[in-house]
Amino acid sequence: MKFSDIFVPRWQNSNHDVRKRAVERLKDIKLLEQIAEKDEDPGVSQAAMIRLESIQVKETVV
């Protein structure tokens, strides 16, 4: 963990596992889209895409 990780949101943490867990709780669609496109770790990008799909399915059901 970097010292700077204390001052940034968890989805910007230097540890990809922390970012992945944070993405699984996000609700901001635009932010999730950015993470899915730009995160350097494929696992984090995939988690963001899965979360986006989950949110979109919930919106169509409701």
N, C-alpha and C. Protein backbone atom coordinates (compact mmCIF):
# COMPACT_ATOMS: atom_id res chain seq x y z
N MET A 1 0.84 -1.18 0.00
CA MET A 1 0.00 0.00 0.00
C MET A 1 0.89 1.23 0.00
N LYS A 2 0.53 2.14 -0.85
CA LYS A 2 1.26 3.41 -0.92
C LYS A 2 0.65 4.39 0.07
N PHE A 3 1.47 5.31 0.52
CA PHE A 3 0.99 6.36 1.43
C PHE A 3 -0.14 7.15 0.77
N SER A 4 -0.02 7.41 -0.52
CA SER A 4 -1.04 8.21 -1.22
C SER A 4 -2.39 7.51 -1.28
N ASP A 5 -2.42 6.18 -1.09
CA ASP A 5 -3.69 5.44 -1.11
C ASP A 5 -4.64 5.89 -0.01
N ILE A 6 -4.11 6.50 1.02
CA ILE A 6 -4.93 6.99 2.12
C ILE A 6 -5.83 8.13 1.66
N PHE A 7 -5.38 8.88 0.66
CA PHE A 7 -6.06 10.10 0.25
C PHE A 7 -6.91 9.97 -1.01
N VAL A 8 -6.99 8.79 -1.58
CA VAL A 8 -7.77 8.62 -2.81
C VAL A 8 -8.92 7.65 -2.56
N PRO A 9 -9.97 7.71 -3.38
CA PRO A 9 -11.06 6.74 -3.25
C PRO A 9 -10.53 5.32 -3.50
N ARG A 10 -11.20 4.34 -2.94
CA ARG A 10 -10.73 2.95 -3.06
C ARG A 10 -10.63 2.49 -4.51
N TRP A 11 -11.48 2.99 -5.38
CA TRP A 11 -11.42 2.56 -6.77
C TRP A 11 -10.18 3.11 -7.48
N GLN A 12 -9.44 4.00 -6.82
CA GLN A 12 -8.19 4.53 -7.37
C GLN A 12 -6.96 3.99 -6.62
N ASN A 13 -7.15 3.04 -5.73
CA ASN A 13 -6.08 2.48 -4.93
C ASN A 13 -5.03 1.81 -5.82
N SER A 14 -3.80 1.76 -5.36
CA SER A 14 -2.73 1.13 -6.15
C SER A 14 -2.86 -0.39 -6.18
N ASN A 15 -3.59 -0.97 -5.24
CA ASN A 15 -3.76 -2.41 -5.18
C ASN A 15 -4.99 -2.81 -6.01
N HIS A 16 -4.78 -3.67 -6.98
CA HIS A 16 -5.89 -4.05 -7.87
C HIS A 16 -7.00 -4.81 -7.14
N ASP A 17 -6.67 -5.55 -6.09
CA ASP A 17 -7.72 -6.25 -5.33
C ASP A 17 -8.64 -5.26 -4.60
N VAL A 18 -8.07 -4.19 -4.07
CA VAL A 18 -8.86 -3.16 -3.39
C VAL A 18 -9.76 -2.46 -4.41
N ARG A 19 -9.19 -2.15 -5.59
CA ARG A 19 -9.98 -1.49 -6.65
C ARG A 19 -11.14 -2.39 -7.08
N LYS A 20 -10.87 -3.68 -7.22
CA LYS A 20 -11.90 -4.62 -7.67
C LYS A 20 -13.06 -4.69 -6.66
N ARG A 21 -12.74 -4.76 -5.39
CA ARG A 21 -13.79 -4.79 -4.37
C ARG A 21 -14.58 -3.48 -4.35
N ALA A 22 -13.89 -2.37 -4.57
CA ALA A 22 -14.56 -1.07 -4.58
C ALA A 22 -15.53 -0.97 -5.77
N VAL A 23 -15.10 -1.46 -6.91
CA VAL A 23 -15.92 -1.41 -8.13
C VAL A 23 -17.22 -2.19 -7.93
N GLU A 24 -17.15 -3.27 -7.18
CA GLU A 24 -18.33 -4.10 -6.96
C GLU A 24 -19.40 -3.40 -6.15
N ARG A 25 -19.06 -2.27 -5.53
CA ARG A 25 -20.04 -1.51 -4.74
C ARG A 25 -20.46 -0.19 -5.39
N LEU A 26 -19.79 0.20 -6.46
CA LEU A 26 -20.11 1.47 -7.11
C LEU A 26 -21.47 1.43 -7.79
N LYS A 27 -22.11 2.61 -7.87
CA LYS A 27 -23.40 2.73 -8.53
C LYS A 27 -23.36 3.76 -9.66
N ASP A 28 -22.27 4.50 -9.78
CA ASP A 28 -22.13 5.55 -10.78
C ASP A 28 -21.79 4.92 -12.14
N ILE A 29 -22.75 4.94 -13.05
CA ILE A 29 -22.60 4.28 -14.34
C ILE A 29 -21.45 4.89 -15.15
N LYS A 30 -21.35 6.19 -15.19
CA LYS A 30 -20.27 6.83 -15.96
C LYS A 30 -18.90 6.47 -15.41
N LEU A 31 -18.77 6.45 -14.10
CA LEU A 31 -17.51 6.08 -13.48
C LEU A 31 -17.17 4.62 -13.77
N LEU A 32 -18.14 3.75 -13.69
CA LEU A 32 -17.91 2.35 -14.01
C LEU A 32 -17.48 2.16 -15.46
N GLU A 33 -18.09 2.93 -16.36
CA GLU A 33 -17.69 2.86 -17.77
C GLU A 33 -16.23 3.27 -17.95
N GLN A 34 -15.83 4.33 -17.27
CA GLN A 34 -14.44 4.78 -17.35
C GLN A 34 -13.48 3.73 -16.81
N ILE A 35 -13.82 3.15 -15.69
CA ILE A 35 -12.97 2.12 -15.09
C ILE A 35 -12.88 0.91 -16.02
N ALA A 36 -14.00 0.51 -16.60
CA ALA A 36 -14.02 -0.64 -17.50
C ALA A 36 -13.11 -0.40 -18.71
N GLU A 37 -13.07 0.82 -19.19
CA GLU A 37 -12.26 1.15 -20.36
C GLU A 37 -10.80 1.40 -20.03
N LYS A 38 -10.51 1.99 -18.88
CA LYS A 38 -9.16 2.53 -18.66
C LYS A 38 -8.33 1.86 -17.57
N ASP A 39 -8.92 1.01 -16.74
CA ASP A 39 -8.11 0.42 -15.68
C ASP A 39 -7.07 -0.50 -16.28
N GLU A 40 -5.87 -0.45 -15.71
CA GLU A 40 -4.75 -1.24 -16.24
C GLU A 40 -4.86 -2.73 -15.93
N ASP A 41 -5.65 -3.08 -14.92
CA ASP A 41 -5.79 -4.48 -14.54
C ASP A 41 -7.03 -5.07 -15.21
N PRO A 42 -6.88 -6.14 -15.98
CA PRO A 42 -8.04 -6.73 -16.65
C PRO A 42 -9.13 -7.21 -15.69
N GLY A 43 -8.75 -7.67 -14.51
CA GLY A 43 -9.73 -8.13 -13.53
C GLY A 43 -10.61 -7.00 -13.04
N VAL A 44 -10.02 -5.83 -12.85
CA VAL A 44 -10.78 -4.66 -12.41
C VAL A 44 -11.71 -4.20 -13.53
N SER A 45 -11.19 -4.18 -14.75
CA SER A 45 -12.02 -3.80 -15.90
C SER A 45 -13.21 -4.74 -16.05
N GLN A 46 -12.95 -6.02 -15.91
CA GLN A 46 -14.02 -7.00 -16.03
C GLN A 46 -15.04 -6.85 -14.91
N ALA A 47 -14.57 -6.60 -13.69
CA ALA A 47 -15.48 -6.39 -12.56
C ALA A 47 -16.37 -5.18 -12.82
N ALA A 48 -15.81 -4.13 -13.41
CA ALA A 48 -16.60 -2.93 -13.73
C ALA A 48 -17.66 -3.25 -14.78
N MET A 49 -17.29 -4.05 -15.78
CA MET A 49 -18.26 -4.41 -16.82
C MET A 49 -19.39 -5.27 -16.24
N ILE A 50 -19.04 -6.19 -15.37
CA ILE A 50 -20.05 -7.04 -14.72
C ILE A 50 -20.99 -6.19 -13.87
N ARG A 51 -20.42 -5.24 -13.14
CA ARG A 51 -21.23 -4.35 -12.30
C ARG A 51 -22.17 -3.50 -13.16
N LEU A 52 -21.66 -3.00 -14.28
CA LEU A 52 -22.50 -2.23 -15.20
C LEU A 52 -23.68 -3.07 -15.69
N GLU A 53 -23.41 -4.28 -16.10
CA GLU A 53 -24.48 -5.16 -16.57
C GLU A 53 -25.51 -5.40 -15.47
N SER A 54 -25.02 -5.60 -14.26
CA SER A 54 -25.91 -5.84 -13.12
C SER A 54 -26.83 -4.64 -12.88
N ILE A 55 -26.27 -3.45 -12.92
CA ILE A 55 -27.07 -2.24 -12.71
C ILE A 55 -28.09 -2.07 -13.83
N GLN A 56 -27.66 -2.31 -15.06
CA GLN A 56 -28.57 -2.14 -16.20
C GLN A 56 -29.71 -3.15 -16.17
N VAL A 57 -29.44 -4.36 -15.73
CA VAL A 57 -30.50 -5.36 -15.62
C VAL A 57 -31.50 -4.94 -14.56
N LYS A 58 -31.01 -4.44 -13.44
CA LYS A 58 -31.92 -3.99 -12.37
C LYS A 58 -32.80 -2.85 -12.85
N GLU A 59 -32.24 -1.95 -13.66
CA GLU A 59 -33.02 -0.81 -14.16
C GLU A 59 -34.10 -1.26 -15.13
N THR A 60 -33.84 -2.28 -15.93
CA THR A 60 -34.85 -2.72 -16.88
C THR A 60 -35.95 -3.53 -16.20
N VAL A 61 -35.61 -4.19 -15.10
CA VAL A 61 -36.59 -4.98 -14.37
C VAL A 61 -37.54 -4.07 -13.59
N VAL A 62 -37.02 -2.99 -13.07
CA VAL A 62 -37.84 -2.09 -12.24
C VAL A 62 -38.67 -1.23 -13.07
